[in-house]
Amino acid sequence: MPRETTVLSLNPDRKALLGYESALRQNGFEIISVDSPLGARFEIEMGRCGFFMSSYVTPLPIYQGLASLFRRYCPNGRVVFLAQSTHDRILDADVLLLEGDEPSLLLRKLREASGESEQPLSLPNESSR
């Protein structure tokens, strides 16, 4: 699978990103899901990611360090962040989602970022997040 469809998901709390990961898998994205910053760092250094996805569950300084590392190792990659509210100050995110945004919004944004043409989306039950 091309690197542009690989998503490295730092997910210390399985519930925070699970619905998004499921929707991405159903739509042809390869998900590398890790639950620790060390695991994310390893995957970034291996260069196996087209997108780096994290959420408000990850402490901001850790997220920022990993986003910076991702930019260094994957200069054409995109950073996705799921914020808890509009008041969260998030730096260095190409795609910003808010808790409660539907997976279809993330899918559209990732497809735009990877240059894919519009394709019908296959979504799990969006209320199952």
C-alpha atoms as a PDB file:
ATOM      1  CA  MET A   1       0.000   0.000   0.000  1.00  0.00           C
ATOM      2  CA  PRO A   2       1.425   3.464  -0.862  1.00  0.00           C
ATOM      3  CA  ARG A   3       2.822   5.486   1.991  1.00  0.00           C
ATOM      4  CA  GLU A   4       0.166   8.159   1.430  1.00  0.00           C
ATOM      5  CA  THR A   5      -2.468   5.746   2.705  1.00  0.00           C
ATOM      6  CA  THR A   6      -0.581   4.663   5.808  1.00  0.00           C
ATOM      7  CA  VAL A   7      -1.721   6.279   9.045  1.00  0.00           C
ATOM      8  CA  LEU A   8       0.348   6.114  12.213  1.00  0.00           C
ATOM      9  CA  SER A   9      -2.154   6.492  15.033  1.00  0.00           C
ATOM     10  CA  LEU A  10      -0.839   7.307  18.516  1.00  0.00           C
ATOM     11  CA  ASN A  11      -3.726   6.133  20.617  1.00  0.00           C
ATOM     12  CA  PRO A  12      -2.982   5.819  24.368  1.00  0.00           C
ATOM     13  CA  ASP A  13      -6.746   5.642  25.016  1.00  0.00           C
ATOM     14  CA  ARG A  14      -8.265   3.070  22.636  1.00  0.00           C
ATOM     15  CA  LYS A  15     -11.636   4.802  22.698  1.00  0.00           C
ATOM     16  CA  ALA A  16     -10.391   8.212  21.556  1.00  0.00           C
ATOM     17  CA  LEU A  17      -9.481   7.262  17.978  1.00  0.00           C
ATOM     18  CA  LEU A  18     -11.088   3.851  17.511  1.00  0.00           C
ATOM     19  CA  GLY A  19     -13.983   5.017  15.331  1.00  0.00           C
ATOM     20  CA  TYR A  20     -11.643   6.974  13.093  1.00  0.00           C
ATOM     21  CA  GLU A  21      -9.243   4.035  12.755  1.00  0.00           C
ATOM     22  CA  SER A  22     -12.114   1.720  11.828  1.00  0.00           C
ATOM     23  CA  ALA A  23     -13.444   4.085   9.147  1.00  0.00           C
ATOM     24  CA  LEU A  24      -9.967   4.537   7.702  1.00  0.00           C
ATOM     25  CA  ARG A  25      -9.379   0.765   7.513  1.00  0.00           C
ATOM     26  CA  GLN A  26     -12.698   0.252   5.728  1.00  0.00           C
ATOM     27  CA  ASN A  27     -11.633   2.827   3.152  1.00  0.00           C
ATOM     28  CA  GLY A  28      -8.274   1.369   2.202  1.00  0.00           C
ATOM     29  CA  PHE A  29      -5.967   3.062   4.671  1.00  0.00           C
ATOM     30  CA  GLU A  30      -3.376   0.976   6.477  1.00  0.00           C
ATOM     31  CA  ILE A  31      -3.398   1.787  10.208  1.00  0.00           C
ATOM     32  CA  ILE A  32      -0.354   1.404  12.408  1.00  0.00           C
ATOM     33  CA  SER A  33      -1.822   1.863  15.883  1.00  0.00           C
ATOM     34  CA  VAL A  34       0.556   2.377  18.784  1.00  0.00           C
ATOM     35  CA  ASP A  35      -0.269   3.159  22.390  1.00  0.00           C
ATOM     36  CA  SER A  36       2.944   4.857  23.509  1.00  0.00           C
ATOM     37  CA  PRO A  37       5.153   7.733  22.388  1.00  0.00           C
ATOM     38  CA  LEU A  38       8.079   5.295  22.201  1.00  0.00           C
ATOM     39  CA  GLY A  39       6.133   3.108  19.752  1.00  0.00           C
ATOM     40  CA  ALA A  40       5.225   6.179  17.685  1.00  0.00           C
ATOM     41  CA  ARG A  41       8.851   7.317  17.634  1.00  0.00           C
ATOM     42  CA  PHE A  42       9.980   3.897  16.390  1.00  0.00           C
ATOM     43  CA  GLU A  43       7.423   3.895  13.548  1.00  0.00           C
ATOM     44  CA  ILE A  44       8.279   7.476  12.568  1.00  0.00           C
ATOM     45  CA  GLU A  45      11.990   6.689  12.480  1.00  0.00           C
ATOM     46  CA  MET A  46      11.226   3.699  10.234  1.00  0.00           C
ATOM     47  CA  GLY A  47       9.436   6.095   7.862  1.00  0.00           C
ATOM     48  CA  ARG A  48       6.342   3.909   7.584  1.00  0.00           C
ATOM     49  CA  CYS A  49       3.794   6.661   7.719  1.00  0.00           C
ATOM     50  CA  GLY A  50       2.054   9.062   5.366  1.00  0.00           C
ATOM     51  CA  PHE A  51      -0.122  10.519   8.141  1.00  0.00           C
ATOM     52  CA  PHE A  52       0.474  10.931  11.877  1.00  0.00           C
ATOM     53  CA  MET A  53      -2.729  11.018  13.925  1.00  0.00           C
ATOM     54  CA  SER A  54      -2.963  11.812  17.628  1.00  0.00           C
ATOM     55  CA  SER A  55      -5.483  13.268  20.056  1.00  0.00           C
ATOM     56  CA  TYR A  56      -5.899  15.408  23.133  1.00  0.00           C
ATOM     57  CA  VAL A  57      -5.212  12.295  25.256  1.00  0.00           C
ATOM     58  CA  THR A  58      -1.517  12.652  24.377  1.00  0.00           C
ATOM     59  CA  PRO A  59       0.142  15.383  26.474  1.00  0.00           C
ATOM     60  CA  LEU A  60       0.768  18.428  24.276  1.00  0.00           C
ATOM     61  CA  PRO A  61       4.596  18.535  24.684  1.00  0.00           C
ATOM     62  CA  ILE A  62       4.826  14.855  23.669  1.00  0.00           C
ATOM     63  CA  TYR A  63       2.539  15.412  20.675  1.00  0.00           C
ATOM     64  CA  GLN A  64       4.550  18.448  19.563  1.00  0.00           C
ATOM     65  CA  GLY A  65       7.856  16.569  19.819  1.00  0.00           C
ATOM     66  CA  LEU A  66       6.497  13.643  17.814  1.00  0.00           C
ATOM     67  CA  ALA A  67       4.913  15.948  15.210  1.00  0.00           C
ATOM     68  CA  SER A  68       8.289  17.646  14.767  1.00  0.00           C
ATOM     69  CA  LEU A  69      10.048  14.275  14.445  1.00  0.00           C
ATOM     70  CA  PHE A  70       7.395  13.151  11.949  1.00  0.00           C
ATOM     71  CA  ARG A  71       8.001  16.260   9.823  1.00  0.00           C
ATOM     72  CA  ARG A  72      11.720  15.460   9.771  1.00  0.00           C
ATOM     73  CA  TYR A  73      11.342  11.798   8.773  1.00  0.00           C
ATOM     74  CA  CYS A  74       8.210  12.145   6.613  1.00  0.00           C
ATOM     75  CA  PRO A  75       8.478  15.606   5.001  1.00  0.00           C
ATOM     76  CA  ASN A  76       5.553  14.921   2.660  1.00  0.00           C
ATOM     77  CA  GLY A  77       3.378  13.490   5.437  1.00  0.00           C
ATOM     78  CA  ARG A  78       0.405  15.138   7.085  1.00  0.00           C
ATOM     79  CA  VAL A  79      -0.292  15.594  10.790  1.00  0.00           C
ATOM     80  CA  VAL A  80      -3.830  15.033  12.096  1.00  0.00           C
ATOM     81  CA  PHE A  81      -4.953  16.064  15.577  1.00  0.00           C
ATOM     82  CA  LEU A  82      -8.248  15.368  17.347  1.00  0.00           C
ATOM     83  CA  ALA A  83      -8.878  18.249  19.774  1.00  0.00           C
ATOM     84  CA  GLN A  84     -11.272  18.160  22.693  1.00  0.00           C
ATOM     85  CA  SER A  85     -12.602  21.672  22.057  1.00  0.00           C
ATOM     86  CA  THR A  86     -12.095  24.740  19.908  1.00  0.00           C
ATOM     87  CA  HIS A  87     -10.161  26.269  22.801  1.00  0.00           C
ATOM     88  CA  ASP A  88      -7.326  23.750  22.474  1.00  0.00           C
ATOM     89  CA  ARG A  89      -4.246  25.423  21.074  1.00  0.00           C
ATOM     90  CA  ILE A  90      -2.708  22.949  18.671  1.00  0.00           C
ATOM     91  CA  LEU A  91       0.407  23.758  16.711  1.00  0.00           C
ATOM     92  CA  ASP A  92       1.690  21.984  13.651  1.00  0.00           C
ATOM     93  CA  ALA A  93      -1.460  20.124  12.595  1.00  0.00           C
ATOM     94  CA  ASP A  94      -2.432  19.936   8.928  1.00  0.00           C
ATOM     95  CA  VAL A  95      -5.844  18.520   9.783  1.00  0.00           C
ATOM     96  CA  LEU A  96      -7.635  19.510  12.969  1.00  0.00           C
ATOM     97  CA  LEU A  97     -10.739  17.635  14.038  1.00  0.00           C
ATOM     98  CA  LEU A  98     -12.894  18.188  17.091  1.00  0.00           C
ATOM     99  CA  GLU A  99     -14.113  15.448  19.381  1.00  0.00           C
ATOM    100  CA  GLY A 100     -17.481  14.456  17.983  1.00  0.00           C
ATOM    101  CA  ASP A 101     -16.601  15.127  14.340  1.00  0.00           C
ATOM    102  CA  GLU A 102     -17.733  12.232  12.190  1.00  0.00           C
ATOM    103  CA  PRO A 103     -15.166   9.882  10.617  1.00  0.00           C
ATOM    104  CA  SER A 104     -16.447  10.934   7.183  1.00  0.00           C
ATOM    105  CA  LEU A 105     -14.906  14.395   7.735  1.00  0.00           C
ATOM    106  CA  LEU A 106     -11.507  12.846   8.484  1.00  0.00           C
ATOM    107  CA  LEU A 107     -11.774  10.604   5.416  1.00  0.00           C
ATOM    108  CA  ARG A 108     -12.517  13.571   3.147  1.00  0.00           C
ATOM    109  CA  LYS A 109      -9.614  15.565   4.570  1.00  0.00           C
ATOM    110  CA  LEU A 110      -7.127  12.692   4.232  1.00  0.00           C
ATOM    111  CA  ARG A 111      -8.230  11.968   0.680  1.00  0.00           C
ATOM    112  CA  GLU A 112      -7.785  15.628  -0.200  1.00  0.00           C
ATOM    113  CA  ALA A 113      -4.337  15.640   1.417  1.00  0.00           C
ATOM    114  CA  SER A 114      -3.251  12.499  -0.454  1.00  0.00           C
ATOM    115  CA  GLY A 115      -4.554  13.818  -3.782  1.00  0.00           C
ATOM    116  CA  GLU A 116      -7.129  11.065  -4.283  1.00  0.00           C
ATOM    117  CA  SER A 117     -10.198  11.753  -6.349  1.00  0.00           C
ATOM    118  CA  GLU A 118     -13.590  11.638  -4.727  1.00  0.00           C
ATOM    119  CA  GLN A 119     -14.653   8.083  -4.099  1.00  0.00           C
ATOM    120  CA  PRO A 120     -17.714   6.763  -2.325  1.00  0.00           C
ATOM    121  CA  LEU A 121     -17.001   6.373   1.369  1.00  0.00           C
ATOM    122  CA  SER A 122     -17.627   3.173   3.249  1.00  0.00           C
ATOM    123  CA  LEU A 123     -18.339   4.070   6.845  1.00  0.00           C
ATOM    124  CA  PRO A 124     -18.965   2.020   9.947  1.00  0.00           C
ATOM    125  CA  ASN A 125     -21.870   3.050  12.104  1.00  0.00           C
ATOM    126  CA  GLU A 126     -20.608   6.549  13.003  1.00  0.00           C
ATOM    127  CA  SER A 127     -22.459   6.512  16.290  1.00  0.00           C
ATOM    128  CA  SER A 128     -20.396   3.498  17.436  1.00  0.00           C
ATOM    129  CA  ARG A 129     -17.471   5.675  18.463  1.00  0.00           C
END
